[in-house]
C-alpha atoms as a PDB file:
ATOM      1  CA  UNK A   1     -28.931 -25.949  10.683  1.00  0.00           C
ATOM      2  CA  UNK A   2     -26.112 -24.401   8.639  1.00  0.00           C
ATOM      3  CA  UNK A   3     -26.731 -21.159   6.824  1.00  0.00           C
ATOM      4  CA  UNK A   4     -25.898 -21.081   3.156  1.00  0.00           C
ATOM      5  CA  UNK A   5     -23.766 -18.325   1.725  1.00  0.00           C
ATOM      6  CA  UNK A   6     -24.884 -16.444  -1.312  1.00  0.00           C
ATOM      7  CA  UNK A   7     -22.357 -15.929  -4.053  1.00  0.00           C
ATOM      8  CA  UNK A   8     -20.777 -12.473  -4.131  1.00  0.00           C
ATOM      9  CA  UNK A   9     -21.708 -11.649  -0.533  1.00  0.00           C
ATOM     10  CA  UNK A  10     -18.236 -12.380   0.896  1.00  0.00           C
ATOM     11  CA  UNK A  11     -16.734  -9.030   1.949  1.00  0.00           C
ATOM     12  CA  UNK A  12     -13.157 -10.298   2.414  1.00  0.00           C
ATOM     13  CA  UNK A  13     -10.603  -8.777   0.004  1.00  0.00           C
ATOM     14  CA  UNK A  14      -9.156 -11.124  -2.572  1.00  0.00           C
ATOM     15  CA  UNK A  15      -5.550 -12.155  -2.093  1.00  0.00           C
ATOM     16  CA  UNK A  16      -3.426 -11.728  -5.192  1.00  0.00           C
ATOM     17  CA  UNK A  17      -1.753 -14.701  -6.814  1.00  0.00           C
ATOM     18  CA  UNK A  18       1.681 -13.152  -6.174  1.00  0.00           C
ATOM     19  CA  UNK A  19       0.926 -12.709  -2.466  1.00  0.00           C
ATOM     20  CA  UNK A  20      -0.201 -16.336  -2.230  1.00  0.00           C
ATOM     21  CA  UNK A  21       2.968 -17.418  -4.053  1.00  0.00           C
ATOM     22  CA  UNK A  22       5.148 -15.421  -1.641  1.00  0.00           C
ATOM     23  CA  UNK A  23       3.404 -17.047   1.306  1.00  0.00           C
ATOM     24  CA  UNK A  24       3.861 -20.556  -0.092  1.00  0.00           C
ATOM     25  CA  UNK A  25       7.528 -19.945  -0.954  1.00  0.00           C
ATOM     26  CA  UNK A  26       8.111 -18.204   2.385  1.00  0.00           C
ATOM     27  CA  UNK A  27       9.709 -15.157   0.752  1.00  0.00           C
ATOM     28  CA  UNK A  28       8.913 -11.499   1.438  1.00  0.00           C
ATOM     29  CA  UNK A  29       6.023 -10.528  -0.846  1.00  0.00           C
ATOM     30  CA  UNK A  30       7.560  -7.129  -1.652  1.00  0.00           C
ATOM     31  CA  UNK A  31      10.320  -8.752  -3.716  1.00  0.00           C
ATOM     32  CA  UNK A  32       7.808 -10.159  -6.198  1.00  0.00           C
ATOM     33  CA  UNK A  33       6.690  -8.015  -9.154  1.00  0.00           C
ATOM     34  CA  UNK A  34       3.351  -6.265  -8.733  1.00  0.00           C
ATOM     35  CA  UNK A  35       3.294  -6.607  -4.952  1.00  0.00           C
ATOM     36  CA  UNK A  36       3.578  -3.655  -2.587  1.00  0.00           C
ATOM     37  CA  UNK A  37       3.961  -3.313   1.155  1.00  0.00           C
ATOM     38  CA  UNK A  38       3.121  -0.395   3.437  1.00  0.00           C
ATOM     39  CA  UNK A  39       4.409  -0.185   6.995  1.00  0.00           C
ATOM     40  CA  UNK A  40       3.188   2.518   9.389  1.00  0.00           C
ATOM     41  CA  UNK A  41       4.862   3.843  12.481  1.00  0.00           C
ATOM     42  CA  UNK A  42       1.863   5.302  14.281  1.00  0.00           C
ATOM     43  CA  UNK A  43       0.645   8.369  12.353  1.00  0.00           C
ATOM     44  CA  UNK A  44       4.118   9.854  11.875  1.00  0.00           C
ATOM     45  CA  UNK A  45       5.827   7.764   9.202  1.00  0.00           C
ATOM     46  CA  UNK A  46       5.004   5.362   6.386  1.00  0.00           C
ATOM     47  CA  UNK A  47       7.382   3.129   4.444  1.00  0.00           C
ATOM     48  CA  UNK A  48       6.138   1.999   1.029  1.00  0.00           C
ATOM     49  CA  UNK A  49       7.929  -0.801  -0.841  1.00  0.00           C
ATOM     50  CA  UNK A  50       6.934  -1.346  -4.471  1.00  0.00           C
ATOM     51  CA  UNK A  51       6.462   2.320  -5.436  1.00  0.00           C
ATOM     52  CA  UNK A  52       6.653   2.938  -9.190  1.00  0.00           C
ATOM     53  CA  UNK A  53       6.504   6.726  -9.091  1.00  0.00           C
ATOM     54  CA  UNK A  54       5.264   9.909  -7.471  1.00  0.00           C
ATOM     55  CA  UNK A  55       2.009  11.254  -8.947  1.00  0.00           C
ATOM     56  CA  UNK A  56       1.406  14.162  -6.560  1.00  0.00           C
ATOM     57  CA  UNK A  57       3.545  15.778  -3.892  1.00  0.00           C
ATOM     58  CA  UNK A  58       2.070  18.463  -1.658  1.00  0.00           C
ATOM     59  CA  UNK A  59       2.357  19.373   2.017  1.00  0.00           C
ATOM     60  CA  UNK A  60      -1.088  17.872   2.712  1.00  0.00           C
ATOM     61  CA  UNK A  61      -1.164  15.049   0.130  1.00  0.00           C
ATOM     62  CA  UNK A  62       1.269  12.577  -1.426  1.00  0.00           C
ATOM     63  CA  UNK A  63      -0.001  10.251  -4.159  1.00  0.00           C
ATOM     64  CA  UNK A  64       2.112   7.290  -5.253  1.00  0.00           C
ATOM     65  CA  UNK A  65       1.859   4.923  -8.228  1.00  0.00           C
ATOM     66  CA  UNK A  66       2.007   1.270  -7.294  1.00  0.00           C
ATOM     67  CA  UNK A  67       1.953  -1.594  -9.803  1.00  0.00           C
ATOM     68  CA  UNK A  68      -1.815  -1.703 -10.399  1.00  0.00           C
ATOM     69  CA  UNK A  69      -3.101   0.809  -7.831  1.00  0.00           C
ATOM     70  CA  UNK A  70      -2.451   4.258  -6.489  1.00  0.00           C
ATOM     71  CA  UNK A  71      -2.180   5.152  -2.828  1.00  0.00           C
ATOM     72  CA  UNK A  72      -2.798   8.616  -1.442  1.00  0.00           C
ATOM     73  CA  UNK A  73      -1.534   9.758   1.942  1.00  0.00           C
ATOM     74  CA  UNK A  74      -3.393  12.736   3.412  1.00  0.00           C
ATOM     75  CA  UNK A  75      -2.284  14.732   6.408  1.00  0.00           C
ATOM     76  CA  UNK A  76      -0.171  17.690   7.513  1.00  0.00           C
ATOM     77  CA  UNK A  77       3.481  18.576   6.899  1.00  0.00           C
ATOM     78  CA  UNK A  78       3.975  15.489   4.715  1.00  0.00           C
ATOM     79  CA  UNK A  79       7.357  15.080   3.080  1.00  0.00           C
ATOM     80  CA  UNK A  80       9.365  12.403   1.319  1.00  0.00           C
ATOM     81  CA  UNK A  81      12.321  11.463   3.473  1.00  0.00           C
ATOM     82  CA  UNK A  82      13.562   8.764   1.111  1.00  0.00           C
ATOM     83  CA  UNK A  83      12.867   7.643  -2.464  1.00  0.00           C
ATOM     84  CA  UNK A  84      15.189   4.862  -3.608  1.00  0.00           C
ATOM     85  CA  UNK A  85      14.720   1.653  -5.616  1.00  0.00           C
ATOM     86  CA  UNK A  86      10.925   1.490  -5.262  1.00  0.00           C
ATOM     87  CA  UNK A  87      11.046   2.413  -1.542  1.00  0.00           C
ATOM     88  CA  UNK A  88       9.494   5.622  -0.272  1.00  0.00           C
ATOM     89  CA  UNK A  89       9.474   6.899   3.292  1.00  0.00           C
ATOM     90  CA  UNK A  90       6.905   9.573   4.090  1.00  0.00           C
ATOM     91  CA  UNK A  91       7.048  11.581   7.308  1.00  0.00           C
ATOM     92  CA  UNK A  92       4.649  14.077   8.862  1.00  0.00           C
ATOM     93  CA  UNK A  93       1.201  13.658  10.372  1.00  0.00           C
ATOM     94  CA  UNK A  94      -0.653  10.967   8.370  1.00  0.00           C
ATOM     95  CA  UNK A  95      -4.392  11.440   8.822  1.00  0.00           C
ATOM     96  CA  UNK A  96      -5.600   9.004   6.170  1.00  0.00           C
ATOM     97  CA  UNK A  97      -4.638   6.557   3.450  1.00  0.00           C
ATOM     98  CA  UNK A  98      -6.728   5.925   0.336  1.00  0.00           C
ATOM     99  CA  UNK A  99      -6.320   3.267  -2.352  1.00  0.00           C
ATOM    100  CA  UNK A 100      -7.673   3.489  -5.893  1.00  0.00           C
ATOM    101  CA  UNK A 101      -7.338   1.552  -9.133  1.00  0.00           C
END
């Protein structure tokens, strides 16, 4: 007997319309407005595409403005290696990443 699902109980994150559009058109999602991409190289480096600005920059925390969210990188000896055309590269020891609205 199949179990019924209750509305609102699905814990999967919603996929944005722009991300779905990028998938259907087979284009990189980071080129569409309002879409960001984060790529990690272990705990030593993060590349963020779609950055709109730097909100906080400290040795132990870097907070970036994305289109409709903010992302905070926490760790040790964090520094911005690159900040060009909505691309940021952060180096140092990245201990955690937090997203907020």
